[in-house]
Protein backbone atom coordinates (compact mmCIF):
# COMPACT_ATOMS: atom_id res chain seq x y z
CA UNK A 1 116.23 109.95 83.20
CA UNK A 2 115.18 106.98 81.10
CA UNK A 3 111.59 106.57 82.30
CA UNK A 4 110.95 103.27 80.51
CA UNK A 5 114.15 101.73 81.88
CA UNK A 6 113.33 102.98 85.37
CA UNK A 7 109.90 101.34 85.12
CA UNK A 8 111.44 98.02 84.05
CA UNK A 9 114.03 98.23 86.82
CA UNK A 10 111.44 99.09 89.47
CA UNK A 11 109.33 96.05 88.58
CA UNK A 12 112.36 93.74 88.35
CA UNK A 13 113.69 95.01 91.69
CA UNK A 14 110.41 94.58 93.54
CA UNK A 15 109.66 91.19 92.00
CA UNK A 16 113.14 89.85 92.73
CA UNK A 17 112.99 90.93 96.38
CA UNK A 18 109.36 89.86 96.89
CA UNK A 19 109.93 86.40 95.43
CA UNK A 20 112.92 85.65 97.63
CA UNK A 21 116.16 87.22 96.44
CA UNK A 22 116.40 90.66 98.12
CA UNK A 23 120.20 90.56 98.32
CA UNK A 24 120.53 90.27 94.53
CA UNK A 25 117.83 92.94 94.10
CA UNK A 26 119.88 95.33 96.24
CA UNK A 27 123.14 94.50 94.45
CA UNK A 28 121.53 94.96 91.03
CA UNK A 29 119.16 97.90 91.45
CA UNK A 30 120.06 100.03 94.49
CA UNK A 31 122.61 102.83 94.42
CA UNK A 32 125.02 104.09 97.10
CA UNK A 33 122.18 105.31 99.32
CA UNK A 34 118.81 103.75 100.18
CA UNK A 35 116.26 105.64 102.26
CA UNK A 36 113.31 103.58 103.55
CA UNK A 37 110.04 105.21 104.63
CA UNK A 38 108.06 102.06 105.52
CA UNK A 39 107.99 102.07 109.35
CA UNK A 40 108.10 98.24 109.44
CA UNK A 41 111.43 98.10 107.59
CA UNK A 42 114.75 99.37 108.95
CA UNK A 43 116.47 102.10 106.96
CA UNK A 44 119.21 101.19 104.48
CA UNK A 45 119.87 98.13 102.37
CA UNK A 46 120.49 95.70 105.23
CA UNK A 47 117.07 96.45 106.73
CA UNK A 48 115.49 95.86 103.33
CA UNK A 49 117.29 92.53 102.87
CA UNK A 50 116.41 91.28 106.36
CA UNK A 51 112.75 92.22 105.96
CA UNK A 52 112.30 90.45 102.62
CA UNK A 53 114.29 87.39 103.72
CA UNK A 54 111.96 87.09 106.71
CA UNK A 55 108.88 87.51 104.51
CA UNK A 56 110.15 84.74 102.20
CA UNK A 57 110.76 82.38 105.13
CA UNK A 58 107.41 83.08 106.78
CA UNK A 59 105.29 83.35 103.61
CA UNK A 60 106.93 81.44 100.73
CA UNK A 61 103.66 81.02 98.81
CA UNK A 62 102.74 84.69 98.45
CA UNK A 63 102.22 86.12 94.96
CA UNK A 64 102.33 89.52 93.31
CA UNK A 65 100.81 91.02 90.17
CA UNK A 66 101.95 94.39 88.86
CA UNK A 67 98.77 96.17 87.81
CA UNK A 68 100.19 99.60 86.92
CA UNK A 69 103.58 101.23 86.61
CA UNK A 70 103.86 104.99 86.14
CA UNK A 71 107.04 107.05 85.82
CA UNK A 72 107.59 110.79 86.06
CA UNK A 73 110.88 112.59 86.64
CA UNK A 74 112.96 110.52 89.06
CA UNK A 75 109.95 108.61 90.48
CA UNK A 76 108.29 105.33 89.59
CA UNK A 77 104.93 104.33 91.08
CA UNK A 78 103.90 100.67 91.27
CA UNK A 79 100.30 99.54 91.88
CA UNK A 80 100.24 95.87 92.85
CA UNK A 81 97.87 93.10 93.84
CA UNK A 82 99.36 90.76 96.42
CA UNK A 83 97.93 87.47 97.65
CA UNK A 84 99.25 86.06 100.91
CA UNK A 85 98.44 82.80 102.76
CA UNK A 86 94.79 82.17 103.59
CA UNK A 87 93.88 84.26 100.50
CA UNK A 88 94.59 87.54 102.28
CA UNK A 89 94.66 90.05 99.45
CA UNK A 90 96.33 93.45 99.49
CA UNK A 91 96.59 96.42 97.22
CA UNK A 92 99.87 98.30 97.42
CA UNK A 93 101.18 101.56 96.06
CA UNK A 94 104.96 101.86 96.06
CA UNK A 95 106.97 104.90 95.06
CA UNK A 96 110.64 104.50 94.18
CA UNK A 97 113.02 107.39 93.61
CA UNK A 98 115.95 106.91 91.24
CA UNK A 99 119.31 108.68 91.43
CA UNK A 100 121.14 110.23 88.47
CA UNK A 101 122.79 106.86 87.72
CA UNK A 102 119.41 105.15 87.33
CA UNK A 103 119.63 103.32 90.67
CA UNK A 104 116.90 103.18 93.31
CA UNK A 105 117.69 105.39 96.29
CA UNK A 106 114.40 105.93 98.18
CA UNK A 107 111.12 104.08 98.83
CA UNK A 108 107.64 104.93 100.15
CA UNK A 109 104.58 102.67 100.22
CA UNK A 110 100.97 102.38 101.25
CA UNK A 111 99.38 98.98 101.85
CA UNK A 112 95.70 98.18 102.32
CA UNK A 113 94.01 94.84 102.79
CA UNK A 114 91.28 94.28 100.22
CA UNK A 115 87.99 94.03 102.13
CA UNK A 116 85.64 91.08 101.67
CA UNK A 117 82.74 93.46 100.95
CA UNK A 118 82.50 96.88 99.36
CA UNK A 119 79.96 99.71 99.32
CA UNK A 120 80.40 99.88 95.52
CA UNK A 121 80.90 97.42 92.64
CA UNK A 122 84.36 98.78 91.70
CA UNK A 123 87.58 96.87 92.29
CA UNK A 124 90.64 98.41 93.88
CA UNK A 125 92.46 97.97 90.58
C-alpha cells in the first residue's frame, strides 16, 4: 500500500464528488466493488452517484475543507469541515478502505453539526 498516494486519492475522490462530479470520482477512484455504510446512501457506485448528484442540485453552494488526512494499512481517515447553506456547519469523519490495486472499495462516516455554543473553548478541529 502506498499510504501517501491513498491519502491524495481519498481527498481527490471526496472533493470531486462533493463539488459536483461524482460519476468521474467513481470512474477514477473506485474499484470493482464499493460497499457503503452511510444509511442515507444506497450501496454500490450508483447509489453514491445519485446521492452526490442530488446534493449538488439541492446545495450547489456548499464548501468543504480537509482538516486532517491519516492513513494506516488499507484505510484512510478524512476529517473535514463542511459549510452548507444558511451557514450550517458540520464536522465529518470519513473512513475509506482501499483494495490491493489502490482503489476505494468501502466507506464509513460520522457527521455532526457544529453547535452554536460549546461547554468548552475548544473547536471541533
